[in-house]
Amino acid sequence: MDFFDFFNTIVENLTNYPMSELSIRDYITLKPDDKTYLRIKVAPRQPHTEFFGILDDGTLKIRLKALPEKGRANTELVRFLAEELCIKKDRIEILMGGADTTKMVRINSV
């Protein structure tokens, strides 16, 4: 097997990898004594809440089951991030984009 065959096999395996099995923890590292900032693009009104991947600029893509009404989608985003990152919800703060699909989120240190 030459390099190109090997490379094509890797690309094929990555494309067939189910996105629902991806985890945010695979892409970010929380800083223990500092704040971590995340840019997140959300898609509300989806069948279920899940991490969906990363855009070219590093923005995390997350599908949300909640509707974008009365802060429900933001609440669902905070709940999902806390669950995925194994932290308390009160450590997560939406800094910008409360009423937008692109958000800036800060995760405060312990």
C-alpha atoms as a PDB file:
ATOM      1  CA  MET A   1       0.000   0.000   0.000  1.00  0.00           C
ATOM      2  CA  ASP A   2       1.513   3.329  -1.003  1.00  0.00           C
ATOM      3  CA  PHE A   3       1.003   6.678   0.677  1.00  0.00           C
ATOM      4  CA  PHE A   4      -1.953   7.724  -1.498  1.00  0.00           C
ATOM      5  CA  ASP A   5      -3.841   4.493  -0.833  1.00  0.00           C
ATOM      6  CA  PHE A   6      -3.194   4.932   2.877  1.00  0.00           C
ATOM      7  CA  PHE A   7      -4.342   8.577   2.771  1.00  0.00           C
ATOM      8  CA  ASN A   8      -7.510   7.714   0.828  1.00  0.00           C
ATOM      9  CA  THR A   9      -8.337   4.991   3.352  1.00  0.00           C
ATOM     10  CA  ILE A  10      -8.036   7.471   6.215  1.00  0.00           C
ATOM     11  CA  VAL A  11     -10.207  10.057   4.430  1.00  0.00           C
ATOM     12  CA  GLU A  12     -12.822   7.424   3.612  1.00  0.00           C
ATOM     13  CA  ASN A  13     -12.936   6.290   7.247  1.00  0.00           C
ATOM     14  CA  LEU A  14     -13.297   9.869   8.483  1.00  0.00           C
ATOM     15  CA  THR A  15     -16.110  10.633   6.071  1.00  0.00           C
ATOM     16  CA  ASN A  16     -17.986   7.531   7.155  1.00  0.00           C
ATOM     17  CA  TYR A  17     -17.509   8.329  10.850  1.00  0.00           C
ATOM     18  CA  PRO A  18     -20.914   9.182  12.347  1.00  0.00           C
ATOM     19  CA  MET A  19     -20.952  12.805  13.477  1.00  0.00           C
ATOM     20  CA  SER A  20     -23.169  11.934  16.446  1.00  0.00           C
ATOM     21  CA  GLU A  21     -20.247  10.013  17.963  1.00  0.00           C
ATOM     22  CA  LEU A  22     -18.023  13.099  17.975  1.00  0.00           C
ATOM     23  CA  SER A  23     -17.448  14.778  21.306  1.00  0.00           C
ATOM     24  CA  ILE A  24     -16.564  18.357  22.094  1.00  0.00           C
ATOM     25  CA  ARG A  25     -13.945  16.991  24.504  1.00  0.00           C
ATOM     26  CA  ASP A  26     -12.046  15.693  21.473  1.00  0.00           C
ATOM     27  CA  TYR A  27     -11.565  19.262  20.223  1.00  0.00           C
ATOM     28  CA  ILE A  28     -11.150  21.559  23.208  1.00  0.00           C
ATOM     29  CA  THR A  29      -9.164  21.557  26.402  1.00  0.00           C
ATOM     30  CA  LEU A  30     -10.388  23.499  29.403  1.00  0.00           C
ATOM     31  CA  LYS A  31      -7.738  25.616  31.052  1.00  0.00           C
ATOM     32  CA  PRO A  32      -7.725  24.809  34.779  1.00  0.00           C
ATOM     33  CA  ASP A  33      -6.632  28.238  36.053  1.00  0.00           C
ATOM     34  CA  ASP A  34      -8.010  30.445  33.310  1.00  0.00           C
ATOM     35  CA  LYS A  35     -11.050  31.093  31.182  1.00  0.00           C
ATOM     36  CA  THR A  36     -11.794  29.213  27.967  1.00  0.00           C
ATOM     37  CA  TYR A  37     -13.577  30.984  25.129  1.00  0.00           C
ATOM     38  CA  LEU A  38     -15.590  29.141  22.481  1.00  0.00           C
ATOM     39  CA  ARG A  39     -17.221  30.431  19.317  1.00  0.00           C
ATOM     40  CA  ILE A  40     -20.282  28.312  18.626  1.00  0.00           C
ATOM     41  CA  LYS A  41     -22.692  28.156  15.700  1.00  0.00           C
ATOM     42  CA  VAL A  42     -26.019  26.677  16.779  1.00  0.00           C
ATOM     43  CA  ALA A  43     -28.814  25.223  14.678  1.00  0.00           C
ATOM     44  CA  PRO A  44     -32.029  25.200  16.742  1.00  0.00           C
ATOM     45  CA  ARG A  45     -35.172  23.146  15.996  1.00  0.00           C
ATOM     46  CA  GLN A  46     -33.259  19.953  15.257  1.00  0.00           C
ATOM     47  CA  PRO A  47     -34.419  16.384  15.993  1.00  0.00           C
ATOM     48  CA  HIS A  48     -31.930  16.143  18.893  1.00  0.00           C
ATOM     49  CA  THR A  49     -29.079  18.039  20.535  1.00  0.00           C
ATOM     50  CA  GLU A  50     -25.600  17.037  19.405  1.00  0.00           C
ATOM     51  CA  PHE A  51     -22.125  18.267  18.567  1.00  0.00           C
ATOM     52  CA  PHE A  52     -21.947  18.374  14.787  1.00  0.00           C
ATOM     53  CA  GLY A  53     -18.384  19.351  13.927  1.00  0.00           C
ATOM     54  CA  ILE A  54     -16.102  22.326  13.426  1.00  0.00           C
ATOM     55  CA  LEU A  55     -16.086  25.038  10.772  1.00  0.00           C
ATOM     56  CA  ASP A  56     -12.857  26.047   9.015  1.00  0.00           C
ATOM     57  CA  ASP A  57     -12.388  29.025  11.354  1.00  0.00           C
ATOM     58  CA  GLY A  58     -12.585  26.837  14.480  1.00  0.00           C
ATOM     59  CA  THR A  59     -16.218  27.565  15.298  1.00  0.00           C
ATOM     60  CA  LEU A  60     -17.963  24.605  16.936  1.00  0.00           C
ATOM     61  CA  LYS A  61     -21.218  23.489  15.308  1.00  0.00           C
ATOM     62  CA  ILE A  62     -23.956  22.287  17.651  1.00  0.00           C
ATOM     63  CA  ARG A  63     -27.470  21.183  16.793  1.00  0.00           C
ATOM     64  CA  LEU A  64     -30.088  22.034  19.411  1.00  0.00           C
ATOM     65  CA  LYS A  65     -33.467  20.404  19.849  1.00  0.00           C
ATOM     66  CA  ALA A  66     -34.860  23.477  21.625  1.00  0.00           C
ATOM     67  CA  LEU A  67     -36.730  26.250  19.869  1.00  0.00           C
ATOM     68  CA  PRO A  68     -35.116  29.700  19.702  1.00  0.00           C
ATOM     69  CA  GLU A  69     -37.825  31.257  21.895  1.00  0.00           C
ATOM     70  CA  LYS A  70     -37.583  32.859  25.317  1.00  0.00           C
ATOM     71  CA  GLY A  71     -33.978  31.715  25.802  1.00  0.00           C
ATOM     72  CA  ARG A  72     -34.803  28.008  25.474  1.00  0.00           C
ATOM     73  CA  ALA A  73     -32.061  27.372  22.915  1.00  0.00           C
ATOM     74  CA  ASN A  74     -29.483  29.183  25.086  1.00  0.00           C
ATOM     75  CA  THR A  75     -30.556  27.162  28.119  1.00  0.00           C
ATOM     76  CA  GLU A  76     -30.248  23.959  26.098  1.00  0.00           C
ATOM     77  CA  LEU A  77     -26.801  24.997  24.846  1.00  0.00           C
ATOM     78  CA  VAL A  78     -25.544  25.632  28.398  1.00  0.00           C
ATOM     79  CA  ARG A  79     -27.025  22.326  29.594  1.00  0.00           C
ATOM     80  CA  PHE A  80     -25.433  20.437  26.703  1.00  0.00           C
ATOM     81  CA  LEU A  81     -21.994  22.031  27.158  1.00  0.00           C
ATOM     82  CA  ALA A  82     -22.045  21.360  30.907  1.00  0.00           C
ATOM     83  CA  GLU A  83     -22.961  17.733  30.314  1.00  0.00           C
ATOM     84  CA  GLU A  84     -20.391  17.196  27.563  1.00  0.00           C
ATOM     85  CA  LEU A  85     -17.565  18.916  29.436  1.00  0.00           C
ATOM     86  CA  CYS A  86     -18.507  17.460  32.852  1.00  0.00           C
ATOM     87  CA  ILE A  87     -18.734  20.858  34.529  1.00  0.00           C
ATOM     88  CA  LYS A  88     -21.404  22.814  36.400  1.00  0.00           C
ATOM     89  CA  LYS A  89     -23.784  24.960  34.371  1.00  0.00           C
ATOM     90  CA  ASP A  90     -22.966  28.075  36.385  1.00  0.00           C
ATOM     91  CA  ARG A  91     -19.396  28.023  34.970  1.00  0.00           C
ATOM     92  CA  ILE A  92     -20.745  28.642  31.444  1.00  0.00           C
ATOM     93  CA  GLU A  93     -21.648  32.134  30.288  1.00  0.00           C
ATOM     94  CA  ILE A  94     -22.930  33.289  26.900  1.00  0.00           C
ATOM     95  CA  LEU A  95     -21.094  36.567  26.307  1.00  0.00           C
ATOM     96  CA  MET A  96     -22.369  37.497  22.848  1.00  0.00           C
ATOM     97  CA  GLY A  97     -25.018  36.264  20.463  1.00  0.00           C
ATOM     98  CA  GLY A  98     -27.829  35.620  22.915  1.00  0.00           C
ATOM     99  CA  ALA A  99     -30.389  36.153  20.145  1.00  0.00           C
ATOM    100  CA  ASP A 100     -28.162  35.009  17.269  1.00  0.00           C
ATOM    101  CA  THR A 101     -27.067  31.623  15.933  1.00  0.00           C
ATOM    102  CA  THR A 102     -23.373  32.471  16.384  1.00  0.00           C
ATOM    103  CA  LYS A 103     -22.401  32.794  20.037  1.00  0.00           C
ATOM    104  CA  MET A 104     -19.308  33.563  22.079  1.00  0.00           C
ATOM    105  CA  VAL A 105     -19.230  31.432  25.215  1.00  0.00           C
ATOM    106  CA  ARG A 106     -16.880  31.726  28.185  1.00  0.00           C
ATOM    107  CA  ILE A 107     -16.175  28.810  30.485  1.00  0.00           C
ATOM    108  CA  ASN A 108     -14.859  30.083  33.812  1.00  0.00           C
ATOM    109  CA  SER A 109     -12.208  28.263  35.768  1.00  0.00           C
ATOM    110  CA  VAL A 110     -13.045  26.512  39.017  1.00  0.00           C
END
